[in-house]
Amino acid sequence: MLNFTDIQSAAARLKGVAHRTPILTSSTLNAMLGCAVFMKAENFQRMGAFKFRGGYNAINSLTDAERARGVLAFSSGNHAQAVALAAQIHGCKAAILMPADAPQMKLDATRGYGAEVITYDRYTEDRGALAKRYSDERNAVLIPPYDYLPVMAGQGTCGLEVAEEIPNLDALIVCTGGGGFLSGCTVAAKAIQPNIQMFGAEPEAGNDVQQSLRSGNIVSIDVPKTICDGQQTQAVGVNPWAVIRTQVTDILTTTDATVIEAMRFAFERMKIVLEPSGACALASLMTHVERFKGKRVAVTLSGGNIDYARFAKLLATAQ
C-alpha cells in the first residue's frame, strides 16, 4: 500500500521541477456556499494539470536502463501530456495510447511534447490490454495513469502541499477517476492533519468509485457519457482502492450542468479556466453544500486543458 514516505520521496524529486501551485480563495464563493473554501489551483501546474506530478515521479523513479527502453502510457489526455513532458525532460522516448475522441487540444499537446500517439476506440477496445500488448512489443516500461504506486505518490504531493499550507481543515475534496489522485492526497493529508475528512468527486454518470465505496467492493461500469473526459474511467484501481476503502469518508457526485456552473464561476469571478474534470470537485461542493456549512473545505482545481471553442460552447449552455 502507498505510504507517506513514498509521497515525501516524490516531493523531493519534484522540488524545483513541479510548480508549487497557489491556493485561491473567493469571498464571493464563501458567502454563496456558507463555508470557507480553499482552492488548490493545479490548472497552473506544468502541462496544465496535477498529472505532471505523477508522470514525472514515475519516470524519475526508473533506472537509466529502464528509461533507455522508452515508456508507454494510456490516457484520455492529462496523464498522456504528463508522461510525454516528463519523458522529454528525461530524454527518453514515449508512446501514448489515447482515445480517438480525446480532445484535439490534448492530442496535439501530447504530440507537441515529442510523444508518439496511438489512438483507439474507448467504447469498443480495452485500453489496458492494448497498452500491455504495445509495451510488450516495444519492450517499453508501462506507466499506468492511476493504478501505479509511483504515480500515486507523485499525485499525493498535491495533498501534501494543501495540508501543509492550510491549517485546521475539516475536509478536502479531490476529483476522482481511477483513484490515484484521491488515494495519494488522502495518505498525504491524513499524515499531516489526521482528523481531516477526505472526499472524492465524480460526475453522476461515472460514479463507479461511489458505488464501490458504498458496496465495499470494486464496481465496474460502462464507459460513462459525461463532459468530464478525464473521469471516463470504468473502475477504481486496485492500489488506490486499498486506501480509499479504509480512509475516504465518502464519494460525492455532481451533474454535468453543475460542472459547467463551476467552470463559469471560476472564469467570471476568479478569471481562471478549468476543464470539466478540473471543476468537478468544486461542482461537487456546490451540489452538497449543506454538508459543509460552516466548515473549512479545500477543493482541487485539477486541470485547465480545454480549447477555447469547447470552453465557450460549454459556458454558453449555462446562460
Protein backbone atom coordinates (compact mmCIF):
# COMPACT_ATOMS: atom_id res chain seq x y z
CA MET A 1 0.00 0.00 0.00
CA LEU A 2 1.07 3.57 -0.63
CA ASN A 3 2.63 5.17 2.45
CA PHE A 4 3.59 8.70 3.48
CA THR A 5 7.31 8.15 2.96
CA ASP A 6 6.61 7.41 -0.73
CA ILE A 7 4.97 10.83 -1.04
CA GLN A 8 7.80 12.56 0.82
CA SER A 9 10.29 10.96 -1.60
CA ALA A 10 8.17 12.11 -4.54
CA ALA A 11 8.10 15.65 -3.14
CA ALA A 12 11.90 15.65 -3.02
CA ARG A 13 12.09 14.53 -6.67
CA LEU A 14 9.58 17.17 -7.76
CA LYS A 15 11.14 20.05 -5.83
CA GLY A 16 12.20 22.73 -8.29
CA VAL A 17 10.61 20.82 -11.18
CA ALA A 18 6.86 20.88 -10.50
CA HIS A 19 5.18 24.16 -9.60
CA ARG A 20 4.02 24.61 -6.02
CA THR A 21 0.64 25.82 -7.21
CA PRO A 22 -1.28 28.61 -5.44
CA ILE A 23 -4.24 28.16 -3.14
CA LEU A 24 -7.00 30.55 -4.16
CA THR A 25 -9.92 31.93 -2.17
CA SER A 26 -13.05 33.87 -3.09
CA SER A 27 -15.10 35.87 -0.58
CA THR A 28 -18.00 35.67 -3.05
CA LEU A 29 -17.84 31.88 -3.11
CA ASN A 30 -17.55 31.68 0.68
CA ALA A 31 -20.66 33.83 1.09
CA MET A 32 -22.54 31.87 -1.56
CA LEU A 33 -21.78 28.47 -0.02
CA GLY A 34 -21.59 29.38 3.66
CA CYS A 35 -18.18 27.81 4.22
CA ALA A 36 -14.52 28.74 3.89
CA VAL A 37 -13.27 27.33 0.58
CA PHE A 38 -9.60 26.91 -0.35
CA MET A 39 -8.95 26.02 -3.99
CA LYS A 40 -5.70 24.28 -4.95
CA ALA A 41 -5.08 25.59 -8.47
CA GLU A 42 -3.49 22.65 -10.26
CA ASN A 43 -4.67 24.17 -13.54
CA PHE A 44 -1.48 26.24 -13.13
CA GLN A 45 0.70 23.12 -12.87
CA ARG A 46 3.13 22.27 -15.68
CA MET A 47 1.20 20.93 -18.70
CA GLY A 48 -1.94 22.32 -17.09
CA ALA A 49 -2.92 19.63 -14.58
CA PHE A 50 -1.91 17.75 -11.42
CA LYS A 51 -0.94 14.77 -13.57
CA PHE A 52 2.55 16.17 -14.12
CA ARG A 53 3.37 15.29 -10.52
CA GLY A 54 2.75 11.57 -11.02
CA GLY A 55 4.14 11.35 -14.53
CA TYR A 56 7.42 12.99 -13.55
CA ASN A 57 7.80 10.98 -10.35
CA ALA A 58 7.19 7.73 -12.22
CA ILE A 59 9.81 8.39 -14.91
CA ASN A 60 12.31 9.87 -12.46
CA SER A 61 11.96 6.71 -10.34
CA LEU A 62 13.08 4.47 -13.23
CA THR A 63 16.65 3.31 -13.67
CA ASP A 64 18.73 4.63 -16.56
CA ALA A 65 18.38 1.24 -18.25
CA GLU A 66 14.59 1.35 -17.94
CA ARG A 67 14.39 4.88 -19.32
CA ALA A 68 16.57 3.78 -22.27
CA ARG A 69 13.83 1.29 -23.21
CA GLY A 70 11.28 4.09 -23.51
CA VAL A 71 7.92 4.36 -21.79
CA LEU A 72 4.33 3.68 -22.81
CA ALA A 73 1.23 5.09 -21.15
CA PHE A 74 -2.52 5.12 -21.75
CA SER A 75 -4.66 8.16 -21.02
CA SER A 76 -7.57 10.30 -22.17
CA GLY A 77 -5.33 13.34 -22.12
CA ASN A 78 -3.71 14.73 -19.00
CA HIS A 79 -1.65 11.70 -17.97
CA ALA A 80 -0.68 11.48 -21.64
CA GLN A 81 0.69 15.02 -21.60
CA ALA A 82 2.33 14.49 -18.21
CA VAL A 83 4.23 11.39 -19.31
CA ALA A 84 5.13 12.99 -22.64
CA LEU A 85 6.58 16.07 -20.94
CA ALA A 86 8.33 14.07 -18.23
CA ALA A 87 9.86 11.79 -20.87
CA GLN A 88 11.04 14.82 -22.83
CA ILE A 89 12.69 16.25 -19.70
CA HIS A 90 14.45 12.92 -19.07
CA GLY A 91 15.44 12.42 -22.71
CA CYS A 92 13.56 9.16 -23.22
CA LYS A 93 11.07 8.02 -25.85
CA ALA A 94 7.36 7.95 -25.04
CA ALA A 95 4.39 6.39 -26.80
CA ILE A 96 0.90 7.17 -25.55
CA LEU A 97 -2.31 5.23 -26.20
CA MET A 98 -5.17 7.77 -26.37
CA PRO A 99 -8.88 7.57 -27.25
CA ALA A 100 -9.60 8.68 -30.80
CA ASP A 101 -12.25 11.05 -29.41
CA ALA A 102 -9.92 12.67 -26.85
CA PRO A 103 -9.98 16.48 -27.06
CA GLN A 104 -7.89 17.59 -30.03
CA MET A 105 -6.01 20.03 -27.81
CA LYS A 106 -4.81 17.15 -25.61
CA LEU A 107 -3.82 15.03 -28.62
CA ASP A 108 -1.89 17.94 -30.12
CA ALA A 109 -0.19 18.84 -26.84
CA THR A 110 0.93 15.24 -26.27
CA ARG A 111 2.49 15.14 -29.73
CA GLY A 112 3.94 18.60 -29.10
CA TYR A 113 5.90 17.24 -26.14
CA GLY A 114 7.50 14.74 -28.51
CA ALA A 115 5.48 11.60 -27.81
CA GLU A 116 4.10 9.17 -30.37
CA VAL A 117 0.30 8.99 -30.11
CA ILE A 118 -1.54 5.73 -30.82
CA THR A 119 -5.34 6.10 -30.94
CA TYR A 120 -8.04 3.57 -30.08
CA ASP A 121 -11.83 3.43 -29.66
CA ARG A 122 -12.57 3.84 -25.94
CA TYR A 123 -16.08 2.35 -26.31
CA THR A 124 -15.12 -0.89 -28.07
CA GLU A 125 -11.47 -1.58 -27.19
CA ASP A 126 -9.79 -2.47 -23.89
CA ARG A 127 -7.07 0.14 -23.35
CA GLY A 128 -5.36 -1.86 -20.62
CA ALA A 129 -4.99 -4.91 -22.86
CA LEU A 130 -3.85 -2.78 -25.79
CA ALA A 131 -1.28 -0.99 -23.63
CA LYS A 132 0.09 -4.30 -22.35
CA ARG A 133 0.40 -5.59 -25.90
CA TYR A 134 2.14 -2.48 -27.22
CA SER A 135 4.51 -2.23 -24.25
CA ASP A 136 5.47 -5.90 -24.66
CA GLU A 137 6.03 -5.49 -28.40
CA ARG A 138 8.25 -2.44 -27.84
CA ASN A 139 9.90 -3.61 -24.61
CA ALA A 140 8.78 -0.27 -23.15
CA VAL A 141 8.09 0.44 -19.47
CA LEU A 142 4.34 0.71 -18.91
CA ILE A 143 3.23 3.69 -16.80
CA PRO A 144 -0.48 3.38 -15.97
CA PRO A 145 -2.42 6.58 -15.18
CA TYR A 146 -3.52 5.77 -11.62
CA ASP A 147 -3.04 2.14 -10.52
CA TYR A 148 0.72 2.54 -10.09
CA LEU A 149 2.43 3.45 -6.83
CA PRO A 150 4.97 5.98 -8.22
CA VAL A 151 2.14 7.85 -9.98
CA MET A 152 0.01 7.79 -6.83
CA ALA A 153 2.90 9.09 -4.76
CA GLY A 154 3.51 11.95 -7.18
CA GLN A 155 -0.16 12.94 -7.19
CA GLY A 156 -0.14 12.82 -3.40
CA THR A 157 2.30 15.74 -3.26
CA CYS A 158 -0.66 17.98 -4.10
CA GLY A 159 -2.46 16.88 -0.92
CA LEU A 160 0.80 17.29 0.98
CA GLU A 161 1.01 20.95 -0.04
CA VAL A 162 -2.64 21.57 0.82
CA ALA A 163 -2.30 20.09 4.31
CA GLU A 164 0.97 21.92 4.95
CA GLU A 165 -0.37 25.32 3.90
CA ILE A 166 -3.96 25.38 5.22
CA PRO A 167 -4.30 24.59 8.94
CA ASN A 168 -7.31 23.02 10.62
CA LEU A 169 -9.11 21.77 7.54
CA ASP A 170 -12.37 19.94 8.05
CA ALA A 171 -12.42 18.39 4.59
CA LEU A 172 -10.54 18.00 1.31
CA ILE A 173 -12.49 17.19 -1.87
CA VAL A 174 -10.46 15.65 -4.70
CA CYS A 175 -11.64 14.94 -8.24
CA THR A 176 -11.69 11.19 -8.84
CA GLY A 177 -11.32 9.00 -11.89
CA GLY A 178 -9.26 5.88 -11.29
CA GLY A 179 -8.46 6.97 -7.75
CA GLY A 180 -4.73 7.70 -7.95
CA PHE A 181 -5.11 11.39 -7.11
CA LEU A 182 -7.62 10.80 -4.31
CA SER A 183 -5.63 8.00 -2.69
CA GLY A 184 -2.34 9.91 -2.87
CA CYS A 185 -3.86 13.07 -1.43
CA THR A 186 -5.58 11.04 1.28
CA VAL A 187 -2.38 9.43 2.54
CA ALA A 188 -0.57 12.78 2.50
CA ALA A 189 -3.28 14.93 4.06
CA LYS A 190 -4.11 12.47 6.82
CA ALA A 191 -0.44 12.13 7.76
CA ILE A 192 -0.34 15.87 8.49
CA GLN A 193 -3.91 16.50 9.61
CA PRO A 194 -5.23 13.16 10.94
CA ASN A 195 -8.75 14.45 11.58
CA ILE A 196 -9.36 15.74 8.07
CA GLN A 197 -12.23 14.09 6.20
CA MET A 198 -11.46 13.06 2.63
CA PHE A 199 -14.00 13.10 -0.18
CA GLY A 200 -13.81 12.10 -3.82
CA ALA A 201 -15.76 13.89 -6.55
CA GLU A 202 -17.22 12.18 -9.62
CA PRO A 203 -19.71 13.04 -12.35
CA GLU A 204 -23.07 11.35 -11.73
CA ALA A 205 -22.78 9.37 -14.94
CA GLY A 206 -19.45 7.89 -13.84
CA ASN A 207 -20.00 7.07 -10.18
CA ASP A 208 -18.12 3.77 -10.08
CA VAL A 209 -15.98 4.79 -7.08
CA GLN A 210 -19.06 5.91 -5.16
CA GLN A 211 -20.73 2.57 -5.88
CA SER A 212 -17.57 0.76 -4.87
CA LEU A 213 -17.20 2.58 -1.54
CA ARG A 214 -20.84 2.03 -0.61
CA SER A 215 -20.86 -1.65 -1.57
CA GLY A 216 -17.44 -2.45 -0.12
CA ASN A 217 -16.16 -3.96 -3.37
CA ILE A 218 -14.79 -2.59 -6.63
CA VAL A 219 -17.67 -1.92 -9.04
CA SER A 220 -17.04 -1.67 -12.78
CA ILE A 221 -19.31 0.33 -15.11
CA ASP A 222 -19.57 1.02 -18.83
CA VAL A 223 -17.58 3.99 -20.15
CA PRO A 224 -19.62 6.92 -18.79
CA LYS A 225 -21.10 9.58 -21.04
CA THR A 226 -20.03 12.84 -19.41
CA ILE A 227 -18.34 16.10 -20.37
CA CYS A 228 -15.68 15.25 -17.76
CA ASP A 229 -13.43 13.41 -20.23
CA GLY A 230 -10.70 12.97 -17.64
CA GLN A 231 -13.10 10.95 -15.49
CA GLN A 232 -14.45 8.48 -18.03
CA THR A 233 -12.92 5.58 -16.14
CA GLN A 234 -14.77 2.32 -15.60
CA ALA A 235 -13.40 1.17 -12.26
CA VAL A 236 -11.14 2.34 -9.45
CA GLY A 237 -7.61 0.92 -9.47
CA VAL A 238 -6.66 -1.87 -7.08
CA ASN A 239 -3.87 0.08 -5.35
CA PRO A 240 -5.93 3.28 -4.95
CA TRP A 241 -8.85 1.21 -3.67
CA ALA A 242 -6.73 -0.13 -0.80
CA VAL A 243 -6.52 3.44 0.50
CA ILE A 244 -9.95 4.71 -0.49
CA ARG A 245 -11.98 1.90 1.07
CA THR A 246 -10.49 2.50 4.53
CA GLN A 247 -9.61 6.20 4.67
CA VAL A 248 -12.07 8.14 2.48
CA THR A 249 -15.28 9.38 4.12
CA ASP A 250 -17.47 9.45 1.00
CA ILE A 251 -17.60 9.99 -2.75
CA LEU A 252 -19.70 12.95 -3.89
CA THR A 253 -21.28 13.21 -7.32
CA THR A 254 -22.46 16.13 -9.40
CA THR A 255 -24.16 16.75 -12.72
CA ASP A 256 -22.52 17.95 -15.90
CA ALA A 257 -24.70 21.06 -15.64
CA THR A 258 -23.26 21.92 -12.22
CA VAL A 259 -19.74 21.28 -13.52
CA ILE A 260 -20.41 23.94 -16.15
CA GLU A 261 -21.69 26.28 -13.43
CA ALA A 262 -18.44 25.78 -11.52
CA MET A 263 -16.40 26.44 -14.67
CA ARG A 264 -18.41 29.58 -15.29
CA PHE A 265 -17.95 30.84 -11.72
CA ALA A 266 -14.20 30.23 -11.86
CA PHE A 267 -13.94 32.10 -15.14
CA GLU A 268 -16.21 35.05 -14.40
CA ARG A 269 -15.36 35.67 -10.74
CA MET A 270 -11.81 34.31 -10.43
CA LYS A 271 -10.56 34.80 -14.01
CA ILE A 272 -9.30 31.24 -14.40
CA VAL A 273 -10.01 28.50 -16.94
CA LEU A 274 -10.94 24.99 -15.80
CA GLU A 275 -11.63 21.93 -17.91
CA PRO A 276 -14.75 19.95 -16.88
CA SER A 277 -12.86 17.35 -14.82
CA GLY A 278 -10.86 20.17 -13.27
CA ALA A 279 -14.06 21.74 -11.96
CA CYS A 280 -15.66 18.53 -10.66
CA ALA A 281 -14.54 18.91 -7.04
CA LEU A 282 -15.83 22.48 -6.84
CA ALA A 283 -19.08 21.43 -8.52
CA SER A 284 -19.49 18.59 -6.02
CA LEU A 285 -19.06 21.05 -3.15
CA MET A 286 -21.73 23.26 -4.73
CA THR A 287 -24.04 20.25 -5.05
CA HIS A 288 -23.58 19.04 -1.47
CA VAL A 289 -23.12 22.42 0.17
CA GLU A 290 -25.39 21.69 3.16
CA ARG A 291 -22.96 19.00 4.26
CA PHE A 292 -20.16 21.55 4.57
CA LYS A 293 -21.88 24.62 6.05
CA GLY A 294 -19.55 26.47 8.42
CA LYS A 295 -16.60 24.17 7.57
CA ARG A 296 -13.11 24.81 6.27
CA VAL A 297 -13.01 22.94 2.96
CA ALA A 298 -10.24 22.57 0.39
CA VAL A 299 -11.00 21.50 -3.19
CA THR A 300 -8.71 20.60 -6.05
CA LEU A 301 -8.99 22.57 -9.28
CA SER A 302 -7.29 19.71 -11.02
CA GLY A 303 -6.77 20.90 -14.59
CA GLY A 304 -7.34 23.57 -17.22
CA ASN A 305 -6.69 21.76 -20.50
CA ILE A 306 -9.58 22.73 -22.73
CA ASP A 307 -9.61 24.51 -26.08
CA TYR A 308 -11.29 27.89 -26.36
CA ALA A 309 -14.08 26.73 -28.70
CA ARG A 310 -15.26 23.92 -26.41
CA PHE A 311 -14.87 26.13 -23.34
CA ALA A 312 -17.03 28.85 -24.89
CA LYS A 313 -19.63 26.33 -26.07
CA LEU A 314 -19.95 24.75 -22.64
CA LEU A 315 -20.24 28.07 -20.83
CA ALA A 316 -22.85 29.25 -23.30
CA THR A 317 -25.09 26.34 -22.28
CA ALA A 318 -25.12 27.65 -18.69
CA GLN A 319 -26.62 31.01 -19.62
